Protein backbone atom coordinates (compact mmCIF):
# COMPACT_ATOMS: atom_id res chain seq x y z
CA MET A 1 -18.50 -106.72 -22.58
CA SER A 2 -19.65 -107.18 -18.65
CA LYS A 3 -21.69 -104.63 -17.12
CA PHE A 4 -18.60 -104.11 -14.80
CA GLU A 5 -16.35 -103.46 -17.61
CA GLU A 6 -19.22 -100.93 -19.06
CA GLN A 7 -19.04 -98.84 -15.64
CA THR A 8 -16.07 -98.82 -14.73
CA SER A 9 -13.51 -99.30 -17.61
CA GLY A 10 -11.09 -96.39 -18.45
CA TYR A 11 -10.22 -95.64 -14.57
CA VAL A 12 -10.49 -99.11 -12.77
CA LYS A 13 -8.82 -102.20 -12.74
CA LEU A 14 -10.58 -104.74 -11.37
CA ARG A 15 -7.62 -107.43 -11.32
CA ARG A 16 -8.95 -109.94 -8.23
CA GLY A 17 -11.86 -107.88 -7.45
CA LEU A 18 -12.83 -107.93 -3.78
CA PRO A 19 -13.50 -111.41 -2.74
CA ASN A 20 -13.91 -111.43 0.83
CA LEU A 21 -16.56 -108.54 0.93
CA ASN A 22 -18.06 -110.52 -1.26
CA LYS A 23 -18.24 -113.10 0.82
CA LYS A 24 -18.88 -111.19 3.57
CA LEU A 25 -21.93 -109.42 2.12
CA ALA A 26 -23.53 -112.90 1.11
CA GLY A 27 -23.02 -114.43 4.37
CA LYS A 28 -24.37 -111.04 6.46
CA ALA A 29 -21.34 -110.91 8.59
CA PRO A 30 -19.96 -107.38 9.84
CA ILE A 31 -16.83 -105.85 8.77
CA ALA A 32 -13.81 -103.29 9.45
CA VAL A 33 -12.69 -101.19 6.51
CA ALA A 34 -9.99 -99.21 7.11
CA PHE A 35 -8.53 -95.90 4.42
CA LEU A 36 -4.87 -95.55 4.88
CA GLY A 37 -3.33 -92.42 3.23
CA GLY A 38 -2.60 -88.82 3.42
CA SER A 39 -4.32 -85.63 4.33
CA ILE A 40 -6.91 -86.37 1.37
CA THR A 41 -7.87 -89.46 3.11
CA GLU A 42 -8.24 -87.38 6.39
CA GLY A 43 -10.00 -84.91 4.42
CA TYR A 44 -8.22 -81.93 4.78
CA GLY A 45 -10.21 -79.08 2.84
CA ALA A 46 -14.09 -80.79 3.41
CA SER A 47 -16.43 -78.48 5.48
CA GLU A 48 -16.64 -81.49 7.67
CA PRO A 49 -14.35 -84.20 7.19
CA ASP A 50 -16.16 -87.09 9.25
CA LYS A 51 -19.18 -86.43 7.11
CA THR A 52 -18.29 -84.76 3.71
CA SER A 53 -14.43 -86.39 2.75
CA TRP A 54 -14.10 -89.36 0.22
CA ARG A 55 -13.36 -91.46 3.11
CA ALA A 56 -16.64 -90.58 5.53
CA LEU A 57 -19.29 -90.57 1.83
CA THR A 58 -17.44 -94.21 1.42
CA GLY A 59 -17.89 -95.39 4.71
CA HIS A 60 -21.29 -94.60 4.91
CA PHE A 61 -22.38 -96.06 1.57
CA LEU A 62 -20.32 -99.13 3.07
CA LYS A 63 -22.77 -98.78 6.11
CA GLU A 64 -25.70 -98.73 4.30
CA ARG A 65 -24.83 -101.60 2.12
CA PHE A 66 -23.78 -103.96 5.23
CA SER A 67 -26.55 -102.38 7.68
CA SER A 68 -27.96 -105.90 8.58
CA ALA A 69 -24.65 -106.75 9.89
CA GLY A 70 -22.72 -103.36 10.45
CA ALA A 71 -19.58 -102.27 9.48
CA THR A 72 -16.58 -100.42 11.23
CA CYS A 73 -14.67 -97.62 9.35
CA ILE A 74 -11.11 -96.85 10.69
CA ASN A 75 -9.62 -93.58 9.44
CA ALA A 76 -5.74 -93.87 9.29
CA GLY A 77 -5.10 -90.90 7.25
CA VAL A 78 -2.30 -88.79 8.67
CA GLY A 79 -1.72 -85.37 6.48
CA GLY A 80 1.47 -84.75 4.49
CA THR A 81 2.17 -88.45 5.05
CA ASN A 82 3.89 -91.01 2.37
CA SER A 83 3.40 -95.02 1.67
CA THR A 84 6.87 -95.52 3.54
CA PHE A 85 5.35 -93.80 6.54
CA GLY A 86 2.14 -95.54 6.15
CA ALA A 87 3.99 -99.03 6.32
CA PHE A 88 5.72 -98.43 9.80
CA ARG A 89 1.93 -97.21 10.52
CA LEU A 90 0.21 -99.93 9.22
CA LYS A 91 -0.01 -101.89 12.54
CA GLU A 92 -0.94 -99.08 15.41
CA HIS A 93 -2.94 -97.21 13.13
CA VAL A 94 -5.28 -99.83 11.02
CA LEU A 95 -4.44 -103.20 12.95
CA HIS A 96 -4.86 -101.87 16.20
CA GLN A 97 -8.09 -103.90 16.87
CA GLY A 98 -7.81 -106.53 14.70
CA GLU A 99 -7.79 -108.19 11.22
CA ILE A 100 -9.87 -105.54 8.69
CA ASP A 101 -11.86 -106.76 6.04
CA LEU A 102 -11.26 -104.28 2.91
CA LEU A 103 -7.91 -101.66 2.92
CA PHE A 104 -8.29 -98.14 0.44
CA VAL A 105 -4.51 -97.25 0.56
CA GLU A 106 -3.56 -93.34 -0.72
CA PHE A 107 -0.37 -92.12 -1.45
CA SER A 108 -0.39 -91.70 -4.84
CA VAL A 109 0.25 -87.28 -4.41
CA ASN A 110 2.18 -87.34 -1.13
CA ASP A 111 5.01 -90.12 -2.44
CA GLY A 112 8.29 -88.31 -4.56
CA GLU A 113 9.87 -89.02 -7.51
CA ASP A 114 12.07 -92.07 -5.93
CA ARG A 115 10.48 -94.84 -7.57
CA GLU A 116 12.45 -97.51 -5.06
CA GLU A 117 11.45 -95.60 -2.21
CA SER A 118 7.74 -95.32 -3.49
CA ILE A 119 7.61 -99.42 -4.50
CA ARG A 120 8.85 -100.45 -0.83
CA GLY A 121 6.42 -98.39 0.65
CA MET A 122 3.53 -99.40 -1.11
CA GLU A 123 4.76 -103.32 -1.41
CA GLY A 124 5.46 -103.27 2.53
CA ILE A 125 1.66 -102.03 3.10
CA VAL A 126 0.50 -104.74 0.91
CA ARG A 127 3.00 -107.75 2.06
CA GLN A 128 2.39 -106.64 6.21
CA CYS A 129 -1.47 -106.59 5.28
CA ARG A 130 -1.49 -109.35 3.85
CA ARG A 131 0.80 -111.40 6.16
CA LEU A 132 -1.29 -109.84 9.34
CA SER A 133 -4.45 -109.60 8.07
CA PRO A 134 -4.52 -112.15 5.26
CA ASP A 135 -8.32 -112.00 4.19
CA ALA A 136 -8.22 -108.31 3.52
CA ASP A 137 -9.19 -107.15 0.15
CA ILE A 138 -6.76 -104.36 -0.63
CA CYS A 139 -7.80 -101.36 -2.96
CA LEU A 140 -5.26 -98.83 -4.26
CA VAL A 141 -6.59 -95.43 -4.94
CA TYR A 142 -5.36 -92.80 -6.83
CA THR A 143 -6.51 -88.88 -6.05
CA ALA A 144 -5.59 -85.83 -8.01
CA ALA A 145 -3.00 -83.10 -7.81
CA GLU A 146 -1.70 -80.95 -10.90
CA LYS A 147 1.10 -84.14 -11.33
CA ASN A 148 -1.68 -86.59 -11.64
CA LEU A 149 -3.78 -84.77 -13.97
CA SER A 150 -2.97 -85.74 -17.53
CA ALA A 151 -3.65 -87.80 -20.47
CA GLU A 152 -0.35 -89.88 -19.95
CA MET A 153 -0.11 -92.02 -16.59
CA PRO A 154 1.29 -89.81 -14.37
CA PHE A 155 4.93 -91.18 -12.68
CA ASN A 156 3.32 -91.73 -8.97
CA ILE A 157 0.61 -93.81 -10.28
CA ALA A 158 2.76 -95.83 -12.47
CA VAL A 159 4.50 -97.22 -9.62
CA HIS A 160 1.70 -97.58 -7.89
CA GLU A 161 0.40 -99.70 -10.46
CA GLU A 162 3.52 -102.18 -10.46
CA VAL A 163 2.49 -102.97 -7.09
CA ALA A 164 -1.30 -103.66 -7.77
CA ASP A 165 -0.28 -105.43 -10.87
CA ARG A 166 2.33 -107.70 -8.86
CA TYR A 167 -0.31 -108.46 -6.25
CA ASP A 168 -3.30 -108.79 -8.57
CA LEU A 169 -5.44 -105.51 -6.46
CA PRO A 170 -8.08 -103.69 -7.84
CA SER A 171 -7.38 -99.69 -8.55
CA VAL A 172 -9.26 -96.64 -8.74
CA ASN A 173 -7.61 -93.38 -10.90
CA LEU A 174 -10.02 -91.09 -9.50
CA ALA A 175 -6.96 -88.44 -11.06
CA ALA A 176 -7.96 -89.90 -14.55
CA ARG A 177 -11.92 -89.43 -14.08
CA ILE A 178 -10.98 -85.88 -12.77
CA TYR A 179 -9.06 -85.19 -15.84
CA ALA A 180 -11.64 -86.96 -18.45
CA ARG A 181 -14.19 -84.86 -16.82
CA ILE A 182 -12.13 -81.36 -17.17
CA GLU A 183 -11.18 -82.39 -21.15
CA ALA A 184 -14.99 -82.88 -21.41
CA GLY A 185 -15.68 -79.57 -20.21
CA GLN A 186 -17.35 -81.40 -17.63
CA ALA A 187 -15.32 -79.68 -14.41
CA ARG A 188 -12.33 -77.11 -13.68
CA TRP A 189 -9.96 -77.95 -10.86
CA GLU A 190 -9.81 -74.82 -9.38
CA GLU A 191 -13.45 -75.16 -8.74
CA LEU A 192 -13.47 -78.60 -7.08
CA ALA A 193 -9.73 -78.14 -5.54
CA PRO A 194 -9.16 -74.80 -4.31
CA ASP A 195 -5.24 -75.08 -3.44
CA LEU A 196 -5.24 -77.85 -6.50
CA VAL A 197 -5.04 -80.28 -4.29
CA HIS A 198 -7.81 -80.58 -1.53
CA PRO A 199 -10.73 -81.27 -2.91
CA ASN A 200 -13.67 -79.17 -1.23
CA ASP A 201 -16.97 -80.55 -0.72
CA ALA A 202 -18.06 -80.67 -4.51
CA GLY A 203 -14.61 -82.44 -5.80
CA TYR A 204 -14.88 -85.07 -2.46
CA ALA A 205 -18.57 -85.88 -3.72
CA LEU A 206 -17.26 -86.80 -6.94
CA TYR A 207 -14.35 -89.05 -5.44
CA ALA A 208 -17.28 -90.91 -3.24
CA GLN A 209 -19.50 -90.97 -6.22
CA ASP A 210 -16.12 -92.75 -8.43
CA ILE A 211 -15.58 -95.05 -5.58
CA ARG A 212 -19.27 -95.84 -4.93
CA GLU A 213 -19.60 -97.03 -8.33
CA PHE A 214 -16.61 -99.20 -8.41
CA LEU A 215 -18.36 -100.60 -5.06
CA ASN A 216 -21.24 -101.54 -6.56
CA ALA A 217 -19.80 -103.11 -9.62
CA ALA A 218 -17.50 -105.35 -7.47
CA LEU A 219 -19.66 -106.28 -5.10
CA MET A 220 -23.19 -107.53 -7.67
CA GLY A 221 -21.46 -110.73 -8.81
CA ASP A 222 -20.80 -109.60 -12.31
CA VAL A 223 -16.87 -109.99 -11.59
CA PRO A 224 -14.53 -112.73 -12.39
CA SER A 225 -14.90 -116.17 -10.18
CA ILE A 226 -12.69 -115.72 -7.48
CA ASP A 227 -12.07 -119.16 -5.74
CA GLY A 228 -11.56 -118.80 -2.25
CA SER A 229 -10.51 -116.25 0.02
CA SER A 230 -8.55 -113.28 -0.18
CA ASN A 231 -5.83 -115.00 1.07
CA MET A 232 -3.39 -116.51 -1.27
CA ALA A 233 0.68 -117.23 -1.71
CA LEU A 234 2.48 -114.21 -1.72
CA PRO A 235 4.82 -113.34 -4.82
CA SER A 236 8.13 -112.71 -4.66
CA PRO A 237 8.57 -108.62 -3.82
CA LEU A 238 9.45 -106.09 -6.56
CA ASP A 239 12.32 -105.03 -3.81
CA ASP A 240 13.32 -107.28 -1.08
CA ARG A 241 13.88 -104.31 1.17
CA ASN A 242 10.17 -103.30 1.14
CA TYR A 243 9.28 -102.21 4.70
CA GLU A 244 6.85 -105.73 5.14
CA HIS A 245 8.08 -105.83 8.36
CA GLY A 246 8.02 -102.34 9.45
CA VAL A 247 6.64 -101.23 12.75
CA MET A 248 6.68 -98.04 15.13
CA LEU A 249 8.15 -98.76 18.28
CA ASN A 250 7.07 -96.16 21.44
CA VAL A 251 10.29 -94.31 22.78
CA ARG A 252 9.94 -95.92 26.16
CA GLU A 253 10.25 -99.76 24.76
CA ALA A 254 13.06 -98.19 21.78
CA ALA A 255 15.79 -96.31 23.48
CA ALA A 256 17.99 -98.55 25.29
CA SER A 257 19.75 -95.44 26.71
CA HIS A 258 19.49 -91.44 26.73
CA VAL A 259 20.70 -88.68 28.17
CA GLY A 260 19.80 -85.35 28.06
CA PHE A 261 16.46 -86.30 26.84
CA THR A 262 13.25 -85.56 28.87
CA ILE A 263 10.11 -87.65 28.15
CA VAL A 264 7.06 -85.83 28.06
CA ASP A 265 3.67 -86.60 26.72
CA THR A 266 2.37 -83.15 25.65
CA VAL A 267 2.09 -82.05 21.95
CA PRO A 268 4.29 -79.09 20.95
CA GLU A 269 1.87 -76.14 19.86
CA PRO A 270 0.95 -75.34 17.18
CA LEU A 271 0.59 -78.98 16.08
CA ILE A 272 -0.63 -80.25 12.93
CA ASN A 273 -1.03 -83.75 11.26
CA TRP A 274 -0.84 -85.64 13.99
CA ARG A 275 -3.99 -87.21 16.52
CA TYR A 276 -2.25 -90.12 18.29
CA GLY A 277 -0.57 -90.48 21.08
CA ALA A 278 2.21 -87.66 21.39
CA GLU A 279 4.85 -89.12 24.31
CA HIS A 280 8.08 -88.56 23.14
CA LEU A 281 12.03 -87.98 23.81
CA CYS A 282 12.67 -83.99 23.84
CA THR A 283 15.93 -81.88 24.38
CA GLY A 284 17.54 -79.00 23.11
CA SER A 285 20.99 -79.84 24.69
CA GLU A 286 23.78 -80.32 22.33
CA LEU A 287 25.13 -83.33 24.66
CA ALA A 288 21.72 -85.58 24.42
CA LEU A 289 22.28 -88.59 23.16
CA LEU A 290 19.76 -91.59 22.28
CA SER A 291 20.62 -95.29 21.25
CA PHE A 292 18.50 -98.34 19.95
CA THR A 293 19.06 -101.22 18.54
CA VAL A 294 16.75 -102.40 15.79
CA SER A 295 15.82 -105.53 14.09
CA GLY A 296 15.30 -105.92 9.77
CA LYS A 297 16.84 -104.09 6.74
CA SER A 298 15.22 -100.34 7.65
CA ALA A 299 15.44 -98.51 10.80
CA GLY A 300 14.55 -94.72 11.36
CA LEU A 301 12.96 -92.09 13.69
CA LEU A 302 9.45 -90.56 13.64
CA LEU A 303 9.70 -86.53 14.92
CA PHE A 304 8.39 -83.81 15.53
CA CYS A 305 9.31 -80.99 13.74
CA GLY A 306 8.76 -77.32 13.93
CA PRO A 307 9.66 -73.86 14.60
CA ASP A 308 12.66 -74.64 16.87
CA SER A 309 14.01 -77.96 15.40
CA GLY A 310 17.42 -78.53 15.16
CA ILE A 311 20.20 -80.72 13.15
CA PHE A 312 20.67 -84.14 14.78
CA GLU A 313 23.20 -86.80 13.36
CA TYR A 314 23.10 -90.11 13.84
CA SER A 315 25.37 -93.22 13.60
CA LEU A 316 25.42 -97.05 12.84
CA ASP A 317 26.95 -99.49 14.81
CA GLY A 318 29.26 -97.06 16.06
CA LEU A 319 30.69 -95.84 12.58
CA THR A 320 30.56 -92.34 10.68
CA PHE A 321 27.88 -89.86 11.96
CA HIS A 322 25.81 -88.84 9.28
CA GLN A 323 24.27 -84.96 9.95
CA VAL A 324 20.03 -84.71 9.37
CA ASN A 325 18.60 -81.42 8.91
CA LEU A 326 14.79 -81.68 8.21
CA PHE A 327 14.44 -78.07 8.73
CA ASP A 328 11.93 -76.95 6.00
CA ASP A 329 9.17 -74.12 5.21
CA TRP A 330 6.27 -76.27 6.92
CA CYS A 331 8.39 -75.84 10.06
CA LEU A 332 7.81 -72.14 10.57
CA GLY A 333 4.34 -72.54 11.12
CA ALA A 334 3.61 -75.41 12.94
CA PHE A 335 4.84 -78.85 14.58
CA ARG A 336 3.95 -81.66 12.31
CA PRO A 337 5.29 -85.38 12.03
CA VAL A 338 8.40 -86.08 9.59
CA ILE A 339 9.98 -89.11 9.34
CA ALA A 340 13.80 -89.95 8.83
CA MET A 341 14.94 -92.94 7.26
CA PHE A 342 18.63 -94.60 7.75
CA SER A 343 20.11 -96.14 5.13
CA LEU A 344 21.39 -99.56 6.53
CA ALA A 345 24.30 -101.37 4.88
CA GLY A 346 23.34 -104.79 2.83
CA ASP A 347 21.14 -107.49 4.22
CA GLN A 348 22.10 -106.38 7.67
CA GLN A 349 19.52 -107.67 10.34
CA ILE A 350 20.54 -106.08 13.38
CA SER A 351 22.15 -102.59 14.04
CA HIS A 352 22.95 -100.58 16.73
CA ILE A 353 22.20 -96.69 16.08
CA THR A 354 22.93 -94.07 18.19
CA VAL A 355 21.38 -90.27 17.99
CA ARG A 356 23.10 -87.05 18.71
CA ASN A 357 21.88 -83.75 19.15
CA THR A 358 24.46 -81.09 17.05
CA GLY A 359 23.63 -77.92 18.81
CA LEU A 360 23.33 -76.72 15.37
CA LYS A 361 19.99 -75.67 13.37
CA ASP A 362 19.30 -74.21 10.47
CA GLU A 363 19.24 -70.61 9.42
CA ARG A 364 15.84 -70.39 9.59
CA SER A 365 14.80 -72.13 12.88
CA LYS A 366 14.60 -70.33 16.21
CA GLY A 367 15.86 -73.10 18.26
CA THR A 368 17.77 -76.82 18.24
CA GLY A 369 15.55 -78.86 19.62
CA LEU A 370 15.19 -82.80 18.99
CA ARG A 371 11.85 -84.36 19.44
CA VAL A 372 11.83 -88.61 19.01
CA LEU A 373 8.15 -89.66 18.75
CA ARG A 374 9.04 -93.55 17.45
CA VAL A 375 11.83 -95.29 16.46
CA PHE A 376 11.29 -97.56 13.41
CA SER A 377 12.42 -101.15 13.10
CA GLY A 378 11.72 -103.61 10.21
């Protein structure tokens, strides 16, 4: 058994390892590392997210390891979001300054029970990163929640492992390591994550410790020999409707026409889980309408949903309108980004989409507002 296997067996699968990062370390070249995920990547629950979260502690470790060359770390965590949204925002939130060297992806808690959608999101992230930043290493990270603390392989982690296996990516199962500590009487989950999802500083320190052990082992040379860079031919996809070509378009460039909407650049208050550009189309009128054309196999909207959000409807290519009510318990307290995906037919490549505000609302809502932040195409 290699030293790497001794240190990481049971919760890490090395697969191809980190060939690009190893090459950069040997050549003393600067690196760019991105962290794509939900609130656990963003650092919710930490006393100082940019200092004591697993993301921040891992970034600090890499900056020390690459101190002679330098390391840039990109926080692409957005609370309450899943891998579908991650695929569509990868280009804007991760690759906005160019290619990267390492991408951590964390969505095992936020992805739901829809296997196909989870595959499309995770596979879309991987394939898009391989295409736009071909030398980047990618590592999948599985964090803990009650649904992921089990002796059996949890559903969401098993789905993500299908993607990791397909693309030969390393994965770090932090949930499995936490579960082992709990079973050994070394930890209690409620003490590490008071809300049973988001770690406190002590919980994040354990996550960072496990990631650091993986990185130390993967970068010490005691790993399988890899010829060439991280770049390799992409295998055929697990799902050919994955979001490899997913992008977010701002409303000015995407909305071919709109009536009854106003373009505003101020955020609705109170707002959570969003720290990016806030320019969006806003209306409360039931006569409001917008239309746009998308290219690809998928389409949707990113909206600000909150206390006064109403019900809207959409039509594909002038056919039947479908109502969408996104109001939920989270809307009662604050506005937040929420995605709505539209079902395109078959392998259709170009679709004309019309969105109308209905003037209807959930009984809990205070209004009939509709706020469109981005258009999804791909």
